[in-house]
N, C-alpha and C. Protein backbone atom coordinates (compact mmCIF):
# COMPACT_ATOMS: atom_id res chain seq x y z
N MET A 1 90.54 -1.54 20.13
CA MET A 1 89.36 -0.77 19.82
C MET A 1 89.77 0.64 19.38
N THR A 2 89.30 1.07 18.26
CA THR A 2 89.70 2.36 17.70
C THR A 2 88.87 3.52 18.22
N GLY A 3 87.71 3.25 18.78
CA GLY A 3 86.84 4.31 19.22
C GLY A 3 85.89 4.78 18.14
N GLU A 4 86.09 4.30 16.93
CA GLU A 4 85.20 4.66 15.82
C GLU A 4 83.94 3.87 15.93
N HIS A 5 82.81 4.53 15.64
CA HIS A 5 81.52 3.88 15.69
C HIS A 5 81.09 3.54 14.26
N GLU A 6 80.98 2.26 13.99
CA GLU A 6 80.52 1.80 12.67
C GLU A 6 79.01 1.96 12.63
N GLN A 7 78.53 2.77 11.70
CA GLN A 7 77.10 3.06 11.62
C GLN A 7 76.42 2.04 10.71
N CYS A 8 75.33 1.48 11.21
CA CYS A 8 74.55 0.54 10.41
C CYS A 8 73.57 1.34 9.55
N ALA A 9 73.53 1.00 8.27
CA ALA A 9 72.62 1.69 7.35
C ALA A 9 71.18 1.45 7.76
N TRP A 10 70.36 2.50 7.61
CA TRP A 10 68.95 2.38 7.95
C TRP A 10 68.12 3.13 6.92
N VAL A 11 66.81 2.96 6.97
CA VAL A 11 65.88 3.52 6.00
C VAL A 11 66.14 5.03 5.81
N GLY A 12 66.28 5.43 4.56
CA GLY A 12 66.49 6.82 4.19
C GLY A 12 67.94 7.20 4.03
N ASP A 13 68.87 6.34 4.46
CA ASP A 13 70.30 6.63 4.36
C ASP A 13 70.79 6.47 2.91
N LEU A 14 71.69 7.34 2.49
CA LEU A 14 72.38 7.21 1.22
C LEU A 14 73.59 6.34 1.49
N ILE A 15 73.72 5.25 0.73
CA ILE A 15 74.78 4.27 1.00
C ILE A 15 75.56 3.94 -0.27
N HIS A 16 76.69 3.26 -0.08
CA HIS A 16 77.39 2.62 -1.18
C HIS A 16 77.41 1.13 -0.84
N ASP A 17 76.78 0.34 -1.71
CA ASP A 17 76.75 -1.13 -1.54
C ASP A 17 78.06 -1.66 -2.13
N GLU A 18 78.96 -2.08 -1.26
CA GLU A 18 80.27 -2.52 -1.71
C GLU A 18 80.19 -3.81 -2.53
N ASP A 19 79.23 -4.69 -2.24
CA ASP A 19 79.09 -5.93 -3.01
C ASP A 19 78.59 -5.66 -4.43
N ALA A 20 77.60 -4.78 -4.57
CA ALA A 20 77.02 -4.49 -5.90
C ALA A 20 77.78 -3.35 -6.59
N ASP A 21 78.66 -2.66 -5.86
CA ASP A 21 79.39 -1.48 -6.35
C ASP A 21 78.41 -0.46 -6.91
N ARG A 22 77.38 -0.15 -6.10
CA ARG A 22 76.35 0.80 -6.49
C ARG A 22 76.03 1.72 -5.32
N ARG A 23 75.63 2.93 -5.67
CA ARG A 23 75.14 3.88 -4.68
C ARG A 23 73.64 3.81 -4.66
N GLY A 24 73.05 3.99 -3.49
CA GLY A 24 71.60 3.96 -3.41
C GLY A 24 71.08 4.45 -2.07
N ILE A 25 69.78 4.33 -1.91
CA ILE A 25 69.12 4.73 -0.69
C ILE A 25 68.40 3.52 -0.11
N VAL A 26 68.50 3.36 1.19
CA VAL A 26 67.82 2.25 1.85
C VAL A 26 66.33 2.55 1.84
N ALA A 27 65.55 1.70 1.17
CA ALA A 27 64.11 1.89 1.05
C ALA A 27 63.35 1.15 2.16
N ASP A 28 63.90 0.04 2.64
CA ASP A 28 63.21 -0.78 3.64
C ASP A 28 64.19 -1.73 4.26
N VAL A 29 63.90 -2.17 5.47
CA VAL A 29 64.66 -3.24 6.12
C VAL A 29 63.63 -4.28 6.54
N ARG A 30 63.70 -5.44 5.96
CA ARG A 30 62.70 -6.49 6.20
C ARG A 30 63.21 -7.50 7.21
N GLY A 31 62.52 -7.59 8.32
CA GLY A 31 62.86 -8.59 9.34
C GLY A 31 64.25 -8.42 9.91
N GLY A 32 64.85 -7.26 9.74
CA GLY A 32 66.20 -7.02 10.25
C GLY A 32 67.25 -7.84 9.55
N ALA A 33 66.90 -8.45 8.41
CA ALA A 33 67.83 -9.34 7.71
C ALA A 33 68.02 -8.99 6.24
N THR A 34 67.06 -8.28 5.63
CA THR A 34 67.16 -7.95 4.22
C THR A 34 67.00 -6.45 4.03
N TRP A 35 68.00 -5.81 3.49
CA TRP A 35 67.96 -4.38 3.19
C TRP A 35 67.51 -4.21 1.75
N VAL A 36 66.43 -3.48 1.53
CA VAL A 36 65.91 -3.19 0.20
C VAL A 36 66.46 -1.84 -0.20
N LEU A 37 67.13 -1.80 -1.34
CA LEU A 37 67.83 -0.60 -1.79
C LEU A 37 67.29 -0.13 -3.11
N ARG A 38 67.36 1.18 -3.34
CA ARG A 38 66.96 1.76 -4.62
C ARG A 38 68.05 2.74 -5.05
N PRO A 39 68.16 2.97 -6.35
CA PRO A 39 69.16 3.96 -6.77
C PRO A 39 68.79 5.36 -6.29
N GLU A 40 69.78 6.23 -6.26
CA GLU A 40 69.55 7.61 -5.87
C GLU A 40 68.50 8.26 -6.77
N TYR A 41 68.58 7.96 -8.05
CA TYR A 41 67.65 8.52 -9.05
C TYR A 41 67.17 7.40 -9.94
N GLY A 42 65.89 7.44 -10.30
CA GLY A 42 65.35 6.47 -11.24
C GLY A 42 64.82 5.21 -10.57
N PRO A 43 64.16 4.38 -11.37
CA PRO A 43 63.58 3.15 -10.85
C PRO A 43 64.60 2.03 -10.73
N ASP A 44 64.27 1.03 -10.03
CA ASP A 44 65.06 -0.18 -9.85
C ASP A 44 65.10 -0.49 -8.37
N ARG A 45 65.38 -1.69 -8.04
CA ARG A 45 65.53 -2.11 -6.64
C ARG A 45 66.49 -3.28 -6.62
N TRP A 46 67.22 -3.40 -5.53
CA TRP A 46 68.01 -4.59 -5.27
C TRP A 46 68.05 -4.80 -3.78
N THR A 47 68.51 -5.94 -3.35
CA THR A 47 68.55 -6.25 -1.90
C THR A 47 69.95 -6.64 -1.47
N SER A 48 70.14 -6.52 -0.19
CA SER A 48 71.40 -6.93 0.43
C SER A 48 71.08 -7.61 1.75
N GLN A 49 71.77 -8.66 2.02
CA GLN A 49 71.68 -9.30 3.33
C GLN A 49 72.98 -9.14 4.09
N ARG A 50 73.77 -8.17 3.65
CA ARG A 50 75.08 -7.87 4.26
C ARG A 50 75.15 -6.42 4.67
N PRO A 51 74.50 -6.01 5.76
CA PRO A 51 74.52 -4.62 6.16
C PRO A 51 75.92 -4.11 6.45
N ASP A 52 76.84 -5.03 6.79
CA ASP A 52 78.23 -4.64 7.03
C ASP A 52 78.92 -4.18 5.75
N ARG A 53 78.33 -4.47 4.61
CA ARG A 53 78.90 -4.07 3.30
C ARG A 53 78.21 -2.82 2.74
N LEU A 54 77.31 -2.21 3.51
CA LEU A 54 76.62 -0.98 3.11
C LEU A 54 77.28 0.18 3.85
N ARG A 55 78.10 0.94 3.14
CA ARG A 55 78.80 2.06 3.74
C ARG A 55 77.91 3.31 3.67
N VAL A 56 77.60 3.89 4.83
CA VAL A 56 76.75 5.08 4.89
C VAL A 56 77.53 6.29 4.39
N ILE A 57 76.99 6.95 3.36
CA ILE A 57 77.57 8.18 2.84
C ILE A 57 76.95 9.37 3.56
N LYS A 58 75.60 9.38 3.65
CA LYS A 58 74.89 10.41 4.39
C LYS A 58 73.68 9.78 5.06
N THR A 59 73.44 10.13 6.28
CA THR A 59 72.25 9.61 6.96
C THR A 59 71.03 10.33 6.43
N ARG A 60 69.87 9.76 6.74
CA ARG A 60 68.61 10.38 6.34
C ARG A 60 68.51 11.80 6.92
N GLU A 61 68.91 11.96 8.17
CA GLU A 61 68.85 13.27 8.84
C GLU A 61 69.73 14.28 8.12
N GLU A 62 70.93 13.89 7.72
CA GLU A 62 71.82 14.81 7.00
C GLU A 62 71.21 15.21 5.67
N ARG A 63 70.61 14.25 4.98
CA ARG A 63 69.98 14.53 3.67
C ARG A 63 68.83 15.52 3.85
N LEU A 64 68.01 15.31 4.90
CA LEU A 64 66.86 16.20 5.15
C LEU A 64 67.32 17.62 5.50
N ARG A 65 68.39 17.71 6.31
CA ARG A 65 68.93 19.05 6.66
C ARG A 65 69.39 19.79 5.43
N GLU A 66 70.06 19.08 4.50
CA GLU A 66 70.53 19.71 3.29
C GLU A 66 69.38 20.24 2.42
N ARG A 67 68.30 19.46 2.38
CA ARG A 67 67.14 19.87 1.55
C ARG A 67 66.45 21.09 2.15
N SER A 68 66.46 21.25 3.48
CA SER A 68 65.78 22.39 4.07
C SER A 68 66.68 23.64 4.14
N ALA A 69 67.93 23.50 3.88
CA ALA A 69 68.85 24.66 3.96
C ALA A 69 68.71 25.55 2.75
């Protein structure tokens, strides 16, 4: 055990989807099994059923703190 905590992506988090090789924001989590993702900018949506392949770049809280600074 390395002591590192693997963070699971959640609504509002900025992520990198390793399977789709795209950056985006988690828009919704349906039934705890399907992550609905949208690009950082512009329209479009895609889904992932592999949360282990969604690498969190910034949490929602970090993004909100940056906007208020």
